[in-house]
Amino acid sequence: MNILVALPILAPLLASGLGLLVRQHAKWRDLLTITGVFTATASAFAILWNVDADGTHVLRVGGWSPELGIVLVADLFAALVLPVALSIILVTELFA
């Protein structure tokens, strides 16, 4: 489940990278953007559900110790704010 913590970051990042490759085709670029934000939003709701059921989740990126590496933490507050923020971004992107 810990990889799920990184998915709201990785999905839009991957979609934006692929969007640069197809920037000449507006329909493909828009589809990639919507797909990336939708994937991030769905994973945010999954994180909320898992944090509510199992408690805080921690992902140490690269396996480094917390003093040297990046640590992603999904506690209940972050798991509540993330779906709200991504839902607003998704609705705004659909409207735009």
C-alpha atoms as a PDB file:
ATOM      1  CA  MET A   1       0.000   0.000   0.000  1.00  0.00           C
ATOM      2  CA  ASN A   2       2.902   2.373   0.605  1.00  0.00           C
ATOM      3  CA  ILE A   3       3.435   2.971  -3.116  1.00  0.00           C
ATOM      4  CA  LEU A   4      -0.086   4.391  -3.136  1.00  0.00           C
ATOM      5  CA  VAL A   5       1.243   7.312  -1.087  1.00  0.00           C
ATOM      6  CA  ALA A   6       3.455   8.352  -4.018  1.00  0.00           C
ATOM      7  CA  LEU A   7       0.783   7.959  -6.710  1.00  0.00           C
ATOM      8  CA  PRO A   8      -0.785  11.446  -6.297  1.00  0.00           C
ATOM      9  CA  ILE A   9       2.665  12.835  -7.108  1.00  0.00           C
ATOM     10  CA  LEU A  10       3.664  10.395  -9.833  1.00  0.00           C
ATOM     11  CA  ALA A  11       0.435  10.358 -11.881  1.00  0.00           C
ATOM     12  CA  PRO A  12       0.338  14.096 -12.747  1.00  0.00           C
ATOM     13  CA  LEU A  13       4.119  14.126 -13.186  1.00  0.00           C
ATOM     14  CA  LEU A  14       3.977  11.285 -15.694  1.00  0.00           C
ATOM     15  CA  ALA A  15       0.960  12.822 -17.443  1.00  0.00           C
ATOM     16  CA  SER A  16       2.700  16.182 -17.792  1.00  0.00           C
ATOM     17  CA  GLY A  17       5.827  14.524 -19.197  1.00  0.00           C
ATOM     18  CA  LEU A  18       3.779  12.620 -21.747  1.00  0.00           C
ATOM     19  CA  GLY A  19       1.817  15.781 -22.459  1.00  0.00           C
ATOM     20  CA  LEU A  20       5.034  17.484 -23.518  1.00  0.00           C
ATOM     21  CA  LEU A  21       5.586  14.758 -26.081  1.00  0.00           C
ATOM     22  CA  VAL A  22       2.165  15.305 -27.672  1.00  0.00           C
ATOM     23  CA  ARG A  23       1.898  19.068 -27.174  1.00  0.00           C
ATOM     24  CA  GLN A  24       0.974  19.587 -30.825  1.00  0.00           C
ATOM     25  CA  HIS A  25      -2.184  17.465 -30.436  1.00  0.00           C
ATOM     26  CA  ALA A  26      -4.548  19.296 -28.107  1.00  0.00           C
ATOM     27  CA  LYS A  27      -7.027  16.441 -27.682  1.00  0.00           C
ATOM     28  CA  TRP A  28      -4.342  13.944 -26.615  1.00  0.00           C
ATOM     29  CA  ARG A  29      -2.714  16.501 -24.333  1.00  0.00           C
ATOM     30  CA  ASP A  30      -6.037  17.283 -22.644  1.00  0.00           C
ATOM     31  CA  LEU A  31      -6.879  13.596 -22.304  1.00  0.00           C
ATOM     32  CA  LEU A  32      -3.520  12.919 -20.653  1.00  0.00           C
ATOM     33  CA  THR A  33      -4.026  15.829 -18.266  1.00  0.00           C
ATOM     34  CA  ILE A  34      -7.505  14.712 -17.229  1.00  0.00           C
ATOM     35  CA  THR A  35      -6.334  11.103 -16.849  1.00  0.00           C
ATOM     36  CA  GLY A  36      -3.391  12.115 -14.659  1.00  0.00           C
ATOM     37  CA  VAL A  37      -5.473  14.309 -12.371  1.00  0.00           C
ATOM     38  CA  PHE A  38      -8.264  11.724 -12.201  1.00  0.00           C
ATOM     39  CA  THR A  39      -5.761   9.000 -11.274  1.00  0.00           C
ATOM     40  CA  ALA A  40      -4.282  11.215  -8.577  1.00  0.00           C
ATOM     41  CA  THR A  41      -7.759  11.999  -7.210  1.00  0.00           C
ATOM     42  CA  ALA A  42      -8.785   8.344  -7.162  1.00  0.00           C
ATOM     43  CA  SER A  43      -5.565   7.379  -5.400  1.00  0.00           C
ATOM     44  CA  ALA A  44      -6.112  10.185  -2.859  1.00  0.00           C
ATOM     45  CA  PHE A  45      -9.493   8.717  -1.958  1.00  0.00           C
ATOM     46  CA  ALA A  46      -7.883   5.264  -1.711  1.00  0.00           C
ATOM     47  CA  ILE A  47      -5.238   6.706   0.617  1.00  0.00           C
ATOM     48  CA  LEU A  48      -7.974   8.251   2.767  1.00  0.00           C
ATOM     49  CA  TRP A  49      -9.768   4.926   2.981  1.00  0.00           C
ATOM     50  CA  ASN A  50      -6.562   3.038   3.869  1.00  0.00           C
ATOM     51  CA  VAL A  51      -5.392   5.586   6.438  1.00  0.00           C
ATOM     52  CA  ASP A  52      -8.807   5.523   8.078  1.00  0.00           C
ATOM     53  CA  ALA A  53      -8.687   1.726   8.267  1.00  0.00           C
ATOM     54  CA  ASP A  54      -4.993   1.110   9.074  1.00  0.00           C
ATOM     55  CA  GLY A  55      -3.554   4.363  10.441  1.00  0.00           C
ATOM     56  CA  THR A  56      -0.622   6.453   9.240  1.00  0.00           C
ATOM     57  CA  HIS A  57       1.420   5.193   6.268  1.00  0.00           C
ATOM     58  CA  VAL A  58       5.048   6.116   5.623  1.00  0.00           C
ATOM     59  CA  LEU A  59       7.034   5.735   2.400  1.00  0.00           C
ATOM     60  CA  ARG A  60      10.803   6.232   2.538  1.00  0.00           C
ATOM     61  CA  VAL A  61      11.710   7.075  -1.049  1.00  0.00           C
ATOM     62  CA  GLY A  62      14.724   5.071  -2.154  1.00  0.00           C
ATOM     63  CA  GLY A  63      14.962   3.298   1.185  1.00  0.00           C
ATOM     64  CA  TRP A  64      17.177   6.029   2.649  1.00  0.00           C
ATOM     65  CA  SER A  65      17.089   6.890   6.330  1.00  0.00           C
ATOM     66  CA  PRO A  66      14.861   9.864   7.237  1.00  0.00           C
ATOM     67  CA  GLU A  67      17.879  12.103   7.902  1.00  0.00           C
ATOM     68  CA  LEU A  68      19.110  11.774   4.316  1.00  0.00           C
ATOM     69  CA  GLY A  69      16.147  10.841   2.164  1.00  0.00           C
ATOM     70  CA  ILE A  70      12.656  11.957   1.295  1.00  0.00           C
ATOM     71  CA  VAL A  71       9.895  10.630   3.522  1.00  0.00           C
ATOM     72  CA  LEU A  72       6.264  10.737   2.384  1.00  0.00           C
ATOM     73  CA  VAL A  73       3.793  10.471   5.253  1.00  0.00           C
ATOM     74  CA  ALA A  74       0.043   9.995   4.906  1.00  0.00           C
ATOM     75  CA  ASP A  75      -1.630  10.766   8.211  1.00  0.00           C
ATOM     76  CA  LEU A  76      -5.331  11.416   8.674  1.00  0.00           C
ATOM     77  CA  PHE A  77      -5.113  15.198   8.180  1.00  0.00           C
ATOM     78  CA  ALA A  78      -3.102  14.893   4.954  1.00  0.00           C
ATOM     79  CA  ALA A  79      -5.411  12.127   3.781  1.00  0.00           C
ATOM     80  CA  LEU A  80      -8.403  14.427   4.349  1.00  0.00           C
ATOM     81  CA  VAL A  81      -6.925  17.489   2.640  1.00  0.00           C
ATOM     82  CA  LEU A  82      -5.504  15.708  -0.417  1.00  0.00           C
ATOM     83  CA  PRO A  83      -8.797  14.433  -1.911  1.00  0.00           C
ATOM     84  CA  VAL A  84     -10.439  17.812  -1.375  1.00  0.00           C
ATOM     85  CA  ALA A  85      -7.616  19.670  -3.112  1.00  0.00           C
ATOM     86  CA  LEU A  86      -7.370  17.191  -5.988  1.00  0.00           C
ATOM     87  CA  SER A  87     -11.146  17.166  -6.462  1.00  0.00           C
ATOM     88  CA  ILE A  88     -11.092  20.949  -6.826  1.00  0.00           C
ATOM     89  CA  ILE A  89      -8.224  20.682  -9.311  1.00  0.00           C
ATOM     90  CA  LEU A  90     -10.081  17.987 -11.280  1.00  0.00           C
ATOM     91  CA  VAL A  91     -13.299  20.020 -11.473  1.00  0.00           C
ATOM     92  CA  THR A  92     -11.335  23.107 -12.488  1.00  0.00           C
ATOM     93  CA  GLU A  93      -9.484  21.159 -15.174  1.00  0.00           C
ATOM     94  CA  LEU A  94     -12.739  19.715 -16.519  1.00  0.00           C
ATOM     95  CA  PHE A  95     -14.260  23.178 -16.634  1.00  0.00           C
ATOM     96  CA  ALA A  96     -11.217  24.678 -18.352  1.00  0.00           C
END
